[in-house]
Amino acid sequence: MSVIIGEFNTVVFINLPISSLANITGQSERSVKSHIQVLEQKGLMSVKRSYKEDSKEKNVNRYYLNPEVLEVYFTADAKETNKAKPIR
Protein backbone atom coordinates (compact mmCIF):
# COMPACT_ATOMS: atom_id res chain seq x y z
CA MET A 1 0.00 0.00 0.00
CA SER A 2 1.35 3.41 -0.97
CA VAL A 3 -0.06 6.74 0.02
CA ILE A 4 1.91 9.88 -0.75
CA ILE A 5 0.36 13.19 0.18
CA GLY A 6 2.10 16.49 -0.32
CA GLU A 7 1.33 20.16 -0.34
CA PHE A 8 -0.14 21.93 -3.35
CA ASN A 9 2.01 21.90 -6.48
CA THR A 10 3.48 18.50 -5.61
CA VAL A 11 2.52 15.07 -6.86
CA VAL A 12 -0.24 13.59 -4.74
CA PHE A 13 -1.23 10.01 -5.38
CA ILE A 14 -2.63 6.91 -3.78
CA ASN A 15 -1.93 3.38 -4.89
CA LEU A 16 -4.57 1.16 -3.24
CA PRO A 17 -7.02 -1.43 -4.48
CA ILE A 18 -10.66 -0.30 -4.70
CA SER A 19 -11.50 -2.84 -1.99
CA SER A 20 -9.05 -1.15 0.42
CA LEU A 21 -10.39 2.32 -0.39
CA ALA A 22 -13.92 1.03 0.23
CA ASN A 23 -12.89 -0.50 3.55
CA ILE A 24 -11.05 2.65 4.71
CA THR A 25 -13.93 4.96 3.78
CA GLY A 26 -16.76 2.65 4.89
CA GLN A 27 -18.32 2.64 1.42
CA SER A 28 -19.13 -0.08 -1.05
CA GLU A 29 -16.68 -0.76 -3.87
CA ARG A 30 -19.30 0.46 -6.36
CA SER A 31 -19.66 3.73 -4.45
CA VAL A 32 -15.88 4.27 -4.44
CA LYS A 33 -15.76 3.63 -8.21
CA SER A 34 -18.60 6.12 -8.76
CA HIS A 35 -16.85 8.78 -6.67
CA ILE A 36 -13.58 8.26 -8.53
CA GLN A 37 -15.42 8.63 -11.83
CA VAL A 38 -16.96 11.95 -10.70
CA LEU A 39 -13.59 13.23 -9.46
CA GLU A 40 -12.08 12.35 -12.85
CA GLN A 41 -14.89 14.13 -14.71
CA LYS A 42 -14.42 17.25 -12.56
CA GLY A 43 -10.67 17.25 -13.26
CA LEU A 44 -9.80 16.75 -9.58
CA MET A 45 -8.22 13.34 -10.12
CA SER A 46 -6.64 11.32 -12.87
CA VAL A 47 -6.21 7.57 -12.86
CA LYS A 48 -3.28 5.65 -14.27
CA ARG A 49 -4.77 2.27 -14.97
CA SER A 50 -2.34 -0.61 -14.83
CA TYR A 51 -2.27 -4.18 -15.96
CA LYS A 52 -0.08 -7.09 -15.00
CA GLU A 53 2.91 -7.54 -17.28
CA ASP A 54 2.22 -9.51 -20.46
CA SER A 55 -1.46 -9.78 -19.50
CA LYS A 56 -4.77 -8.00 -19.79
CA GLU A 57 -5.42 -8.77 -16.12
CA LYS A 58 -5.94 -5.60 -14.09
CA ASN A 59 -3.45 -4.53 -11.48
CA VAL A 60 -3.75 -1.86 -8.77
CA ASN A 61 -4.34 1.59 -10.27
CA ARG A 62 -2.60 4.77 -9.20
CA TYR A 63 -4.87 7.73 -8.41
CA TYR A 64 -3.40 11.21 -8.85
CA LEU A 65 -4.97 14.31 -7.33
CA ASN A 66 -4.70 17.48 -9.38
CA PRO A 67 -3.12 20.02 -6.98
CA GLU A 68 -3.84 23.04 -9.19
CA VAL A 69 -7.56 22.32 -9.26
CA LEU A 70 -7.66 21.30 -5.60
CA GLU A 71 -6.06 24.61 -4.67
CA VAL A 72 -9.00 26.47 -6.23
CA TYR A 73 -11.49 24.25 -4.39
CA PHE A 74 -9.89 24.25 -0.96
CA THR A 75 -7.78 27.33 -0.26
CA ALA A 76 -8.85 30.24 1.91
CA ASP A 77 -8.06 32.63 -0.96
CA ALA A 78 -10.48 30.80 -3.23
CA LYS A 79 -13.24 31.05 -0.64
CA GLU A 80 -12.62 34.76 -0.17
CA THR A 81 -12.67 35.48 -3.89
CA ASN A 82 -15.71 33.33 -4.61
CA LYS A 83 -13.61 30.97 -6.73
CA ALA A 84 -14.38 28.03 -4.46
CA LYS A 85 -16.83 25.58 -5.99
CA PRO A 86 -18.85 22.85 -4.33
CA ILE A 87 -17.96 19.34 -5.45
CA ARG A 88 -21.10 17.58 -6.63
C-alpha atoms as a PDB file:
ATOM      1  CA  MET A   1       0.000   0.000   0.000  1.00  0.00           C
ATOM      2  CA  SER A   2       1.351   3.406  -0.965  1.00  0.00           C
ATOM      3  CA  VAL A   3      -0.058   6.744   0.022  1.00  0.00           C
ATOM      4  CA  ILE A   4       1.912   9.882  -0.747  1.00  0.00           C
ATOM      5  CA  ILE A   5       0.361  13.189   0.181  1.00  0.00           C
ATOM      6  CA  GLY A   6       2.104  16.493  -0.319  1.00  0.00           C
ATOM      7  CA  GLU A   7       1.330  20.158  -0.335  1.00  0.00           C
ATOM      8  CA  PHE A   8      -0.145  21.930  -3.347  1.00  0.00           C
ATOM      9  CA  ASN A   9       2.011  21.898  -6.484  1.00  0.00           C
ATOM     10  CA  THR A  10       3.480  18.504  -5.610  1.00  0.00           C
ATOM     11  CA  VAL A  11       2.518  15.072  -6.862  1.00  0.00           C
ATOM     12  CA  VAL A  12      -0.236  13.594  -4.740  1.00  0.00           C
ATOM     13  CA  PHE A  13      -1.230  10.014  -5.377  1.00  0.00           C
ATOM     14  CA  ILE A  14      -2.630   6.911  -3.776  1.00  0.00           C
ATOM     15  CA  ASN A  15      -1.926   3.377  -4.885  1.00  0.00           C
ATOM     16  CA  LEU A  16      -4.567   1.159  -3.243  1.00  0.00           C
ATOM     17  CA  PRO A  17      -7.024  -1.430  -4.480  1.00  0.00           C
ATOM     18  CA  ILE A  18     -10.662  -0.302  -4.698  1.00  0.00           C
ATOM     19  CA  SER A  19     -11.498  -2.839  -1.987  1.00  0.00           C
ATOM     20  CA  SER A  20      -9.048  -1.150   0.422  1.00  0.00           C
ATOM     21  CA  LEU A  21     -10.386   2.323  -0.388  1.00  0.00           C
ATOM     22  CA  ALA A  22     -13.918   1.029   0.235  1.00  0.00           C
ATOM     23  CA  ASN A  23     -12.888  -0.500   3.554  1.00  0.00           C
ATOM     24  CA  ILE A  24     -11.045   2.646   4.713  1.00  0.00           C
ATOM     25  CA  THR A  25     -13.929   4.963   3.784  1.00  0.00           C
ATOM     26  CA  GLY A  26     -16.760   2.651   4.887  1.00  0.00           C
ATOM     27  CA  GLN A  27     -18.322   2.641   1.417  1.00  0.00           C
ATOM     28  CA  SER A  28     -19.135  -0.079  -1.050  1.00  0.00           C
ATOM     29  CA  GLU A  29     -16.676  -0.760  -3.867  1.00  0.00           C
ATOM     30  CA  ARG A  30     -19.295   0.458  -6.359  1.00  0.00           C
ATOM     31  CA  SER A  31     -19.657   3.728  -4.453  1.00  0.00           C
ATOM     32  CA  VAL A  32     -15.879   4.274  -4.441  1.00  0.00           C
ATOM     33  CA  LYS A  33     -15.758   3.633  -8.207  1.00  0.00           C
ATOM     34  CA  SER A  34     -18.597   6.121  -8.756  1.00  0.00           C
ATOM     35  CA  HIS A  35     -16.848   8.782  -6.671  1.00  0.00           C
ATOM     36  CA  ILE A  36     -13.576   8.257  -8.529  1.00  0.00           C
ATOM     37  CA  GLN A  37     -15.422   8.632 -11.834  1.00  0.00           C
ATOM     38  CA  VAL A  38     -16.962  11.951 -10.697  1.00  0.00           C
ATOM     39  CA  LEU A  39     -13.588  13.230  -9.457  1.00  0.00           C
ATOM     40  CA  GLU A  40     -12.078  12.351 -12.847  1.00  0.00           C
ATOM     41  CA  GLN A  41     -14.890  14.128 -14.709  1.00  0.00           C
ATOM     42  CA  LYS A  42     -14.418  17.250 -12.557  1.00  0.00           C
ATOM     43  CA  GLY A  43     -10.672  17.247 -13.261  1.00  0.00           C
ATOM     44  CA  LEU A  44      -9.801  16.754  -9.581  1.00  0.00           C
ATOM     45  CA  MET A  45      -8.225  13.341 -10.119  1.00  0.00           C
ATOM     46  CA  SER A  46      -6.639  11.321 -12.866  1.00  0.00           C
ATOM     47  CA  VAL A  47      -6.207   7.571 -12.862  1.00  0.00           C
ATOM     48  CA  LYS A  48      -3.280   5.652 -14.271  1.00  0.00           C
ATOM     49  CA  ARG A  49      -4.766   2.268 -14.973  1.00  0.00           C
ATOM     50  CA  SER A  50      -2.342  -0.606 -14.830  1.00  0.00           C
ATOM     51  CA  TYR A  51      -2.275  -4.180 -15.962  1.00  0.00           C
ATOM     52  CA  LYS A  52      -0.075  -7.091 -15.004  1.00  0.00           C
ATOM     53  CA  GLU A  53       2.913  -7.543 -17.281  1.00  0.00           C
ATOM     54  CA  ASP A  54       2.217  -9.514 -20.460  1.00  0.00           C
ATOM     55  CA  SER A  55      -1.460  -9.782 -19.496  1.00  0.00           C
ATOM     56  CA  LYS A  56      -4.767  -8.000 -19.785  1.00  0.00           C
ATOM     57  CA  GLU A  57      -5.421  -8.767 -16.117  1.00  0.00           C
ATOM     58  CA  LYS A  58      -5.938  -5.602 -14.093  1.00  0.00           C
ATOM     59  CA  ASN A  59      -3.449  -4.528 -11.476  1.00  0.00           C
ATOM     60  CA  VAL A  60      -3.754  -1.858  -8.769  1.00  0.00           C
ATOM     61  CA  ASN A  61      -4.340   1.593 -10.271  1.00  0.00           C
ATOM     62  CA  ARG A  62      -2.600   4.770  -9.200  1.00  0.00           C
ATOM     63  CA  TYR A  63      -4.875   7.726  -8.411  1.00  0.00           C
ATOM     64  CA  TYR A  64      -3.399  11.214  -8.850  1.00  0.00           C
ATOM     65  CA  LEU A  65      -4.968  14.308  -7.326  1.00  0.00           C
ATOM     66  CA  ASN A  66      -4.700  17.484  -9.382  1.00  0.00           C
ATOM     67  CA  PRO A  67      -3.123  20.019  -6.985  1.00  0.00           C
ATOM     68  CA  GLU A  68      -3.837  23.042  -9.193  1.00  0.00           C
ATOM     69  CA  VAL A  69      -7.560  22.320  -9.262  1.00  0.00           C
ATOM     70  CA  LEU A  70      -7.657  21.305  -5.600  1.00  0.00           C
ATOM     71  CA  GLU A  71      -6.061  24.605  -4.671  1.00  0.00           C
ATOM     72  CA  VAL A  72      -9.001  26.470  -6.225  1.00  0.00           C
ATOM     73  CA  TYR A  73     -11.495  24.249  -4.394  1.00  0.00           C
ATOM     74  CA  PHE A  74      -9.894  24.249  -0.964  1.00  0.00           C
ATOM     75  CA  THR A  75      -7.778  27.330  -0.261  1.00  0.00           C
ATOM     76  CA  ALA A  76      -8.851  30.236   1.915  1.00  0.00           C
ATOM     77  CA  ASP A  77      -8.064  32.631  -0.961  1.00  0.00           C
ATOM     78  CA  ALA A  78     -10.477  30.797  -3.228  1.00  0.00           C
ATOM     79  CA  LYS A  79     -13.239  31.045  -0.638  1.00  0.00           C
ATOM     80  CA  GLU A  80     -12.622  34.760  -0.170  1.00  0.00           C
ATOM     81  CA  THR A  81     -12.666  35.481  -3.893  1.00  0.00           C
ATOM     82  CA  ASN A  82     -15.713  33.329  -4.605  1.00  0.00           C
ATOM     83  CA  LYS A  83     -13.607  30.965  -6.725  1.00  0.00           C
ATOM     84  CA  ALA A  84     -14.381  28.026  -4.463  1.00  0.00           C
ATOM     85  CA  LYS A  85     -16.827  25.584  -5.991  1.00  0.00           C
ATOM     86  CA  PRO A  86     -18.853  22.855  -4.327  1.00  0.00           C
ATOM     87  CA  ILE A  87     -17.962  19.341  -5.445  1.00  0.00           C
ATOM     88  CA  ARG A  88     -21.096  17.581  -6.628  1.00  0.00           C
END
